[in-house]
Amino acid sequence: MRVRSFAGAFLQYNDEVLLMERGLHKKVAPGLWAGIGGHIEADEHNNPLAACLREIEEETGIVSSNIYGLNLRYYTVCKTKDTLDTIYYFTGSLKDKPLLIQTSEGVLHWKNKNDVLNYPMSPFIKAFYEHWLKYPDFDNIYCCITGKDGSIAVHEII
């Protein structure tokens, strides 16, 4: 069984959220919409925040000095047929709205935060986003748990 770790974020500027429409060539979630993020590198396993900041800069050009309130909000472990995935998801805000850059990962979009659920997302990302939209100011960390039937529950862990 392979084990993979990911870090990602939903970044907000006023009432808009920065999303990526993932490229169809991507192995993970091709064509689906998500926040910004990707694989945690070997030297980042003890610091998913560093991985998240690296991914944000690589995929968007946004530097950490333009981000505030970037906090870990969701943690999940997901088993598929031959893979165990760990996902750390953060939420934060931007001081300034940057221009969107070209990226090989997919297409970046600014979307109204209330329209985001209209786009196709993986079940985990959708669960994270729905919870964040409902509880935007919470300070706790939540765990997403999947049932054998594919259902997803979000539970407070800290």
N, C-alpha and C. Protein backbone atom coordinates (compact mmCIF):
# COMPACT_ATOMS: atom_id res chain seq x y z
N MET A 1 0.84 -1.18 0.00
CA MET A 1 0.00 0.00 0.00
C MET A 1 0.89 1.25 0.00
N ARG A 2 0.54 2.20 -0.84
CA ARG A 2 1.25 3.48 -0.88
C ARG A 2 0.63 4.44 0.13
N VAL A 3 1.44 5.33 0.68
CA VAL A 3 0.96 6.37 1.57
C VAL A 3 1.35 7.72 0.96
N ARG A 4 0.36 8.61 0.85
CA ARG A 4 0.61 9.94 0.30
C ARG A 4 0.09 10.98 1.29
N SER A 5 0.77 12.12 1.36
CA SER A 5 0.32 13.22 2.21
C SER A 5 0.17 14.48 1.37
N PHE A 6 -0.88 15.24 1.68
CA PHE A 6 -1.20 16.45 0.94
C PHE A 6 -1.46 17.60 1.92
N ALA A 7 -1.22 18.81 1.46
CA ALA A 7 -1.59 20.02 2.20
C ALA A 7 -2.27 20.96 1.22
N GLY A 8 -3.35 21.59 1.67
CA GLY A 8 -4.07 22.50 0.80
C GLY A 8 -4.72 23.61 1.60
N ALA A 9 -5.26 24.60 0.88
CA ALA A 9 -5.89 25.73 1.55
C ALA A 9 -7.00 26.34 0.72
N PHE A 10 -7.98 26.86 1.43
CA PHE A 10 -8.94 27.78 0.84
C PHE A 10 -8.50 29.17 1.24
N LEU A 11 -8.24 30.01 0.25
CA LEU A 11 -7.81 31.37 0.49
C LEU A 11 -8.92 32.33 0.08
N GLN A 12 -9.23 33.25 0.95
CA GLN A 12 -10.34 34.17 0.74
C GLN A 12 -9.84 35.60 0.64
N TYR A 13 -10.46 36.37 -0.25
CA TYR A 13 -10.28 37.82 -0.31
C TYR A 13 -11.68 38.41 -0.37
N ASN A 14 -12.07 39.14 0.68
CA ASN A 14 -13.43 39.64 0.82
C ASN A 14 -14.41 38.49 0.66
N ASP A 15 -15.32 38.56 -0.30
CA ASP A 15 -16.33 37.50 -0.48
C ASP A 15 -15.97 36.51 -1.58
N GLU A 16 -14.70 36.50 -1.98
CA GLU A 16 -14.27 35.59 -3.04
C GLU A 16 -13.28 34.57 -2.49
N VAL A 17 -13.29 33.41 -3.11
CA VAL A 17 -12.37 32.32 -2.75
C VAL A 17 -11.57 31.96 -4.00
N LEU A 18 -10.28 31.73 -3.79
CA LEU A 18 -9.41 31.32 -4.88
C LEU A 18 -9.49 29.80 -5.04
N LEU A 19 -9.87 29.36 -6.23
CA LEU A 19 -10.02 27.94 -6.52
C LEU A 19 -9.17 27.55 -7.72
N MET A 20 -8.84 26.28 -7.77
CA MET A 20 -8.17 25.75 -8.94
C MET A 20 -9.06 24.69 -9.58
N GLU A 21 -9.27 24.86 -10.86
CA GLU A 21 -9.91 23.82 -11.67
C GLU A 21 -8.76 22.94 -12.15
N ARG A 22 -8.63 21.77 -11.54
CA ARG A 22 -7.47 20.92 -11.77
C ARG A 22 -7.43 20.44 -13.22
N GLY A 23 -6.22 20.38 -13.76
CA GLY A 23 -6.04 19.93 -15.13
C GLY A 23 -6.47 18.48 -15.32
N LEU A 24 -6.93 18.17 -16.50
CA LEU A 24 -7.35 16.79 -16.79
C LEU A 24 -6.18 15.82 -16.80
N HIS A 25 -4.96 16.32 -16.88
CA HIS A 25 -3.77 15.48 -16.89
C HIS A 25 -3.31 15.08 -15.49
N LYS A 26 -3.92 15.64 -14.44
CA LYS A 26 -3.50 15.37 -13.07
C LYS A 26 -3.92 13.97 -12.63
N LYS A 27 -3.06 13.29 -11.87
CA LYS A 27 -3.38 11.95 -11.35
C LYS A 27 -4.42 12.01 -10.24
N VAL A 28 -4.33 13.04 -9.39
CA VAL A 28 -5.25 13.20 -8.28
C VAL A 28 -6.33 14.20 -8.66
N ALA A 29 -7.58 13.79 -8.60
CA ALA A 29 -8.75 14.64 -8.84
C ALA A 29 -8.71 15.41 -10.16
N PRO A 30 -8.45 14.73 -11.29
CA PRO A 30 -8.41 15.45 -12.57
C PRO A 30 -9.75 16.11 -12.89
N GLY A 31 -9.69 17.38 -13.31
CA GLY A 31 -10.89 18.10 -13.71
C GLY A 31 -11.76 18.61 -12.58
N LEU A 32 -11.43 18.25 -11.34
CA LEU A 32 -12.24 18.70 -10.22
C LEU A 32 -11.72 20.03 -9.69
N TRP A 33 -12.58 20.74 -8.97
CA TRP A 33 -12.24 22.03 -8.40
C TRP A 33 -11.79 21.82 -6.96
N ALA A 34 -10.83 22.64 -6.52
CA ALA A 34 -10.30 22.52 -5.16
C ALA A 34 -9.68 23.85 -4.77
N GLY A 35 -9.25 23.90 -3.53
CA GLY A 35 -8.43 25.02 -3.09
C GLY A 35 -7.05 24.84 -3.70
N ILE A 36 -6.08 25.48 -3.11
CA ILE A 36 -4.71 25.42 -3.61
C ILE A 36 -3.93 24.43 -2.76
N GLY A 37 -3.15 23.55 -3.38
CA GLY A 37 -2.37 22.61 -2.59
C GLY A 37 -1.78 21.49 -3.41
N GLY A 38 -1.14 20.57 -2.70
CA GLY A 38 -0.53 19.44 -3.37
C GLY A 38 0.21 18.56 -2.39
N HIS A 39 1.13 17.76 -2.92
CA HIS A 39 1.88 16.79 -2.12
C HIS A 39 2.78 17.45 -1.09
N ILE A 40 2.90 16.80 0.05
CA ILE A 40 3.87 17.18 1.06
C ILE A 40 5.18 16.48 0.71
N GLU A 41 6.26 17.25 0.62
CA GLU A 41 7.57 16.68 0.30
C GLU A 41 8.15 15.96 1.52
N ALA A 42 9.12 15.08 1.29
CA ALA A 42 9.70 14.26 2.35
C ALA A 42 10.21 15.09 3.53
N ASP A 43 10.82 16.23 3.27
CA ASP A 43 11.36 17.05 4.35
C ASP A 43 10.31 17.94 5.02
N GLU A 44 9.04 17.83 4.60
CA GLU A 44 7.96 18.66 5.16
C GLU A 44 6.98 17.88 6.02
N HIS A 45 7.19 16.59 6.22
CA HIS A 45 6.20 15.77 6.93
C HIS A 45 5.92 16.25 8.35
N ASN A 46 6.87 16.90 8.98
CA ASN A 46 6.64 17.43 10.32
C ASN A 46 6.13 18.86 10.30
N ASN A 47 5.88 19.41 9.11
CA ASN A 47 5.44 20.79 9.00
C ASN A 47 4.51 20.98 7.80
N PRO A 48 3.25 20.51 7.91
CA PRO A 48 2.34 20.66 6.78
C PRO A 48 2.05 22.12 6.43
N LEU A 49 2.20 23.04 7.39
CA LEU A 49 2.02 24.46 7.08
C LEU A 49 3.06 24.92 6.08
N ALA A 50 4.31 24.51 6.27
CA ALA A 50 5.37 24.87 5.31
C ALA A 50 5.05 24.31 3.93
N ALA A 51 4.54 23.08 3.89
CA ALA A 51 4.16 22.48 2.60
C ALA A 51 3.03 23.28 1.95
N CYS A 52 2.07 23.69 2.76
CA CYS A 52 0.94 24.45 2.24
C CYS A 52 1.42 25.79 1.66
N LEU A 53 2.27 26.49 2.39
CA LEU A 53 2.79 27.78 1.91
C LEU A 53 3.61 27.60 0.64
N ARG A 54 4.40 26.54 0.57
CA ARG A 54 5.19 26.27 -0.64
C ARG A 54 4.27 26.02 -1.82
N GLU A 55 3.26 25.19 -1.61
CA GLU A 55 2.31 24.89 -2.70
C GLU A 55 1.57 26.14 -3.15
N ILE A 56 1.16 26.97 -2.21
CA ILE A 56 0.45 28.21 -2.57
C ILE A 56 1.34 29.07 -3.46
N GLU A 57 2.60 29.25 -3.06
CA GLU A 57 3.50 30.09 -3.86
C GLU A 57 3.78 29.46 -5.22
N GLU A 58 4.01 28.14 -5.25
CA GLU A 58 4.29 27.47 -6.53
C GLU A 58 3.12 27.57 -7.49
N GLU A 59 1.90 27.40 -6.98
CA GLU A 59 0.74 27.31 -7.85
C GLU A 59 0.08 28.65 -8.16
N THR A 60 0.35 29.67 -7.32
CA THR A 60 -0.34 30.95 -7.51
C THR A 60 0.57 32.15 -7.56
N GLY A 61 1.79 32.01 -7.08
CA GLY A 61 2.69 33.16 -6.97
C GLY A 61 2.43 33.98 -5.71
N ILE A 62 1.44 33.61 -4.90
CA ILE A 62 1.13 34.34 -3.67
C ILE A 62 2.16 34.00 -2.61
N VAL A 63 2.79 35.02 -2.03
CA VAL A 63 3.80 34.81 -1.00
C VAL A 63 3.16 34.89 0.38
N SER A 64 3.84 34.29 1.35
CA SER A 64 3.28 34.18 2.70
C SER A 64 2.99 35.54 3.34
N SER A 65 3.73 36.58 2.97
CA SER A 65 3.50 37.90 3.56
C SER A 65 2.15 38.51 3.13
N ASN A 66 1.50 37.95 2.11
CA ASN A 66 0.18 38.41 1.68
C ASN A 66 -0.94 37.58 2.30
N ILE A 67 -0.59 36.62 3.16
CA ILE A 67 -1.58 35.72 3.75
C ILE A 67 -1.65 35.97 5.25
N TYR A 68 -2.87 36.02 5.78
CA TYR A 68 -3.00 36.09 7.24
C TYR A 68 -4.08 35.10 7.69
N GLY A 69 -3.98 34.69 8.94
CA GLY A 69 -4.96 33.77 9.50
C GLY A 69 -4.94 32.40 8.86
N LEU A 70 -3.80 31.96 8.35
CA LEU A 70 -3.72 30.63 7.73
C LEU A 70 -3.57 29.60 8.84
N ASN A 71 -4.64 28.88 9.09
CA ASN A 71 -4.67 27.93 10.19
C ASN A 71 -5.18 26.58 9.73
N LEU A 72 -4.63 25.54 10.34
CA LEU A 72 -5.10 24.18 10.06
C LEU A 72 -6.53 24.05 10.55
N ARG A 73 -7.40 23.60 9.67
CA ARG A 73 -8.81 23.45 10.02
C ARG A 73 -9.30 22.01 9.91
N TYR A 74 -8.75 21.26 8.93
CA TYR A 74 -9.27 19.92 8.66
C TYR A 74 -8.13 18.93 8.48
N TYR A 75 -8.37 17.73 8.96
CA TYR A 75 -7.40 16.64 8.83
C TYR A 75 -8.20 15.39 8.47
N THR A 76 -7.70 14.65 7.52
CA THR A 76 -8.39 13.42 7.18
C THR A 76 -7.41 12.36 6.71
N VAL A 77 -7.80 11.13 6.88
CA VAL A 77 -7.09 9.98 6.33
C VAL A 77 -8.10 9.22 5.50
N CYS A 78 -7.74 8.93 4.27
CA CYS A 78 -8.65 8.28 3.34
C CYS A 78 -7.97 7.07 2.73
N LYS A 79 -8.61 5.93 2.82
CA LYS A 79 -8.07 4.71 2.20
C LYS A 79 -8.82 4.44 0.91
N THR A 80 -8.07 4.28 -0.15
CA THR A 80 -8.64 3.83 -1.41
C THR A 80 -8.14 2.41 -1.65
N LYS A 81 -8.31 1.91 -2.82
CA LYS A 81 -7.95 0.52 -3.13
C LYS A 81 -6.53 0.16 -2.70
N ASP A 82 -5.55 0.98 -3.08
CA ASP A 82 -4.15 0.64 -2.78
C ASP A 82 -3.36 1.80 -2.19
N THR A 83 -4.08 2.84 -1.70
CA THR A 83 -3.41 4.04 -1.22
C THR A 83 -4.06 4.53 0.07
N LEU A 84 -3.22 5.05 0.95
CA LEU A 84 -3.69 5.72 2.15
C LEU A 84 -3.26 7.17 2.04
N ASP A 85 -4.24 8.09 1.96
CA ASP A 85 -3.97 9.52 1.81
C ASP A 85 -4.24 10.25 3.11
N THR A 86 -3.32 11.13 3.48
CA THR A 86 -3.49 12.04 4.59
C THR A 86 -3.59 13.44 4.02
N ILE A 87 -4.61 14.18 4.44
CA ILE A 87 -4.83 15.53 3.91
C ILE A 87 -4.92 16.52 5.07
N TYR A 88 -4.11 17.58 5.00
CA TYR A 88 -4.17 18.69 5.94
C TYR A 88 -4.72 19.88 5.16
N TYR A 89 -5.84 20.45 5.62
CA TYR A 89 -6.44 21.56 4.89
C TYR A 89 -6.51 22.78 5.79
N PHE A 90 -6.04 23.90 5.26
CA PHE A 90 -5.96 25.16 5.98
C PHE A 90 -6.96 26.15 5.38
N THR A 91 -7.31 27.17 6.16
CA THR A 91 -8.07 28.30 5.63
C THR A 91 -7.34 29.58 6.01
N GLY A 92 -7.45 30.58 5.16
CA GLY A 92 -6.79 31.85 5.43
C GLY A 92 -7.35 32.94 4.53
N SER A 93 -6.86 34.14 4.77
CA SER A 93 -7.30 35.31 4.01
C SER A 93 -6.10 36.01 3.39
N LEU A 94 -6.39 36.79 2.36
CA LEU A 94 -5.35 37.54 1.66
C LEU A 94 -5.48 39.03 1.95
N LYS A 95 -4.35 39.68 2.13
CA LYS A 95 -4.32 41.13 2.36
C LYS A 95 -4.68 41.88 1.08
N ASP A 96 -4.17 41.39 -0.04
CA ASP A 96 -4.42 42.00 -1.35
C ASP A 96 -4.84 40.91 -2.32
N LYS A 97 -5.68 41.28 -3.27
CA LYS A 97 -6.13 40.32 -4.30
C LYS A 97 -5.12 40.31 -5.43
N PRO A 98 -4.37 39.22 -5.56
CA PRO A 98 -3.36 39.17 -6.62
C PRO A 98 -3.97 38.85 -7.98
N LEU A 99 -3.24 39.22 -9.01
CA LEU A 99 -3.60 38.79 -10.36
C LEU A 99 -3.33 37.30 -10.46
N LEU A 100 -4.13 36.60 -11.22
CA LEU A 100 -3.95 35.16 -11.37
C LEU A 100 -2.88 34.87 -12.41
N ILE A 101 -2.06 33.88 -12.12
CA ILE A 101 -0.97 33.49 -13.03
C ILE A 101 -1.35 32.22 -13.77
N GLN A 102 -0.60 31.91 -14.80
CA GLN A 102 -0.74 30.64 -15.50
C GLN A 102 -0.03 29.57 -14.68
N THR A 103 -0.59 28.38 -14.64
CA THR A 103 0.02 27.28 -13.91
C THR A 103 -0.20 25.98 -14.68
N SER A 104 0.72 25.06 -14.55
CA SER A 104 0.58 23.77 -15.21
C SER A 104 -0.35 22.83 -14.42
N GLU A 105 -0.74 23.24 -13.23
CA GLU A 105 -1.59 22.40 -12.37
C GLU A 105 -3.05 22.43 -12.79
N GLY A 106 -3.48 23.55 -13.36
CA GLY A 106 -4.87 23.74 -13.72
C GLY A 106 -5.13 25.21 -13.95
N VAL A 107 -6.39 25.63 -13.85
CA VAL A 107 -6.76 27.01 -14.09
C VAL A 107 -7.25 27.63 -12.78
N LEU A 108 -6.67 28.77 -12.41
CA LEU A 108 -7.07 29.48 -11.20
C LEU A 108 -8.27 30.37 -11.48
N HIS A 109 -9.17 30.45 -10.48
CA HIS A 109 -10.39 31.25 -10.61
C HIS A 109 -10.69 31.93 -9.28
N TRP A 110 -11.17 33.16 -9.32
CA TRP A 110 -11.80 33.79 -8.17
C TRP A 110 -13.29 33.55 -8.29
N LYS A 111 -13.91 32.98 -7.23
CA LYS A 111 -15.35 32.71 -7.23
C LYS A 111 -15.97 33.25 -5.96
N ASN A 112 -17.21 33.73 -6.08
CA ASN A 112 -17.95 34.15 -4.90
C ASN A 112 -18.05 32.96 -3.95
N LYS A 113 -17.77 33.18 -2.67
CA LYS A 113 -17.72 32.07 -1.71
C LYS A 113 -19.03 31.30 -1.62
N ASN A 114 -20.17 31.95 -1.95
CA ASN A 114 -21.45 31.26 -1.87
C ASN A 114 -21.77 30.45 -3.12
N ASP A 115 -20.96 30.58 -4.17
CA ASP A 115 -21.20 29.84 -5.41
C ASP A 115 -20.29 28.62 -5.56
N VAL A 116 -19.34 28.46 -4.68
CA VAL A 116 -18.30 27.44 -4.83
C VAL A 116 -18.86 26.03 -4.91
N LEU A 117 -19.89 25.73 -4.16
CA LEU A 117 -20.42 24.36 -4.14
C LEU A 117 -21.10 23.97 -5.44
N ASN A 118 -21.24 24.90 -6.38
CA ASN A 118 -21.82 24.60 -7.70
C ASN A 118 -20.81 23.93 -8.63
N TYR A 119 -19.56 23.84 -8.22
CA TYR A 119 -18.51 23.27 -9.06
C TYR A 119 -18.19 21.85 -8.61
N PRO A 120 -17.79 20.98 -9.54
CA PRO A 120 -17.50 19.59 -9.16
C PRO A 120 -16.24 19.51 -8.30
N MET A 121 -16.37 18.88 -7.13
CA MET A 121 -15.27 18.74 -6.17
C MET A 121 -15.22 17.31 -5.67
N SER A 122 -14.06 16.92 -5.15
CA SER A 122 -13.98 15.62 -4.50
C SER A 122 -14.85 15.67 -3.24
N PRO A 123 -15.34 14.53 -2.78
CA PRO A 123 -16.20 14.53 -1.59
C PRO A 123 -15.54 15.17 -0.37
N PHE A 124 -14.22 14.95 -0.17
CA PHE A 124 -13.54 15.53 0.98
C PHE A 124 -13.48 17.04 0.87
N ILE A 125 -13.06 17.54 -0.28
CA ILE A 125 -12.93 18.97 -0.45
C ILE A 125 -14.29 19.64 -0.29
N LYS A 126 -15.32 19.02 -0.82
CA LYS A 126 -16.67 19.56 -0.68
C LYS A 126 -17.09 19.58 0.79
N ALA A 127 -16.79 18.52 1.53
CA ALA A 127 -17.13 18.48 2.96
C ALA A 127 -16.40 19.56 3.73
N PHE A 128 -15.10 19.74 3.44
CA PHE A 128 -14.33 20.80 4.08
C PHE A 128 -14.98 22.15 3.80
N TYR A 129 -15.26 22.40 2.52
CA TYR A 129 -15.77 23.71 2.13
C TYR A 129 -17.15 23.97 2.74
N GLU A 130 -18.04 22.99 2.68
CA GLU A 130 -19.38 23.17 3.26
C GLU A 130 -19.28 23.53 4.74
N HIS A 131 -18.41 22.84 5.46
CA HIS A 131 -18.24 23.10 6.89
C HIS A 131 -17.67 24.49 7.11
N TRP A 132 -16.66 24.87 6.35
CA TRP A 132 -16.04 26.19 6.49
C TRP A 132 -17.06 27.30 6.18
N LEU A 133 -17.88 27.09 5.16
CA LEU A 133 -18.89 28.08 4.80
C LEU A 133 -19.91 28.25 5.94
N LYS A 134 -20.24 27.14 6.58
CA LYS A 134 -21.21 27.18 7.67
C LYS A 134 -20.60 27.77 8.95
N TYR A 135 -19.32 27.48 9.20
CA TYR A 135 -18.63 27.93 10.42
C TYR A 135 -17.33 28.64 10.05
N PRO A 136 -17.40 29.84 9.47
CA PRO A 136 -16.19 30.49 8.96
C PRO A 136 -15.21 30.96 10.03
N ASP A 137 -15.67 31.16 11.25
CA ASP A 137 -14.82 31.75 12.29
C ASP A 137 -14.41 30.77 13.38
N PHE A 138 -14.55 29.49 13.16
CA PHE A 138 -14.19 28.53 14.21
C PHE A 138 -12.68 28.46 14.36
N ASP A 139 -12.24 28.09 15.55
CA ASP A 139 -10.80 28.02 15.84
C ASP A 139 -10.32 26.59 16.03
N ASN A 140 -11.18 25.63 15.95
CA ASN A 140 -10.82 24.25 16.23
C ASN A 140 -10.36 23.52 14.98
N ILE A 141 -9.79 22.34 15.18
CA ILE A 141 -9.40 21.46 14.08
C ILE A 141 -10.43 20.35 14.01
N TYR A 142 -10.83 20.03 12.79
CA TYR A 142 -11.84 19.01 12.57
C TYR A 142 -11.26 17.85 11.77
N CYS A 143 -11.80 16.68 12.02
CA CYS A 143 -11.39 15.47 11.31
C CYS A 143 -12.54 15.04 10.41
N CYS A 144 -12.24 14.72 9.19
CA CYS A 144 -13.25 14.17 8.29
C CYS A 144 -13.12 12.65 8.30
N ILE A 145 -14.24 12.01 8.46
CA ILE A 145 -14.27 10.56 8.56
C ILE A 145 -15.20 10.02 7.47
N THR A 146 -14.75 8.99 6.77
CA THR A 146 -15.61 8.38 5.74
C THR A 146 -16.16 7.06 6.24
N GLY A 147 -17.40 6.81 5.87
CA GLY A 147 -18.00 5.53 6.17
C GLY A 147 -17.80 4.57 5.01
N LYS A 148 -18.06 3.31 5.23
CA LYS A 148 -17.92 2.31 4.16
C LYS A 148 -18.87 2.61 3.00
N ASP A 149 -19.95 3.32 3.29
CA ASP A 149 -20.91 3.67 2.24
C ASP A 149 -20.52 4.93 1.47
N GLY A 150 -19.36 5.52 1.81
CA GLY A 150 -18.91 6.71 1.13
C GLY A 150 -19.36 8.00 1.79
N SER A 151 -20.15 7.90 2.85
CA SER A 151 -20.59 9.11 3.55
C SER A 151 -19.40 9.77 4.25
N ILE A 152 -19.51 11.07 4.47
CA ILE A 152 -18.45 11.83 5.12
C ILE A 152 -19.02 12.59 6.29
N ALA A 153 -18.38 12.45 7.44
CA ALA A 153 -18.77 13.20 8.63
C ALA A 153 -17.59 14.06 9.08
N VAL A 154 -17.91 15.24 9.59
CA VAL A 154 -16.88 16.15 10.09
C VAL A 154 -17.04 16.24 11.60
N HIS A 155 -15.95 15.91 12.32
CA HIS A 155 -15.99 15.90 13.79
C HIS A 155 -14.89 16.77 14.37
N GLU A 156 -15.22 17.49 15.43
CA GLU A 156 -14.21 18.29 16.12
C GLU A 156 -13.22 17.38 16.83
N ILE A 157 -11.91 17.66 16.67
CA ILE A 157 -10.93 16.86 17.38
C ILE A 157 -10.10 17.70 18.35
N ILE A 158 -9.98 18.98 18.11
CA ILE A 158 -9.23 19.83 19.03
C ILE A 158 -9.96 21.14 19.19
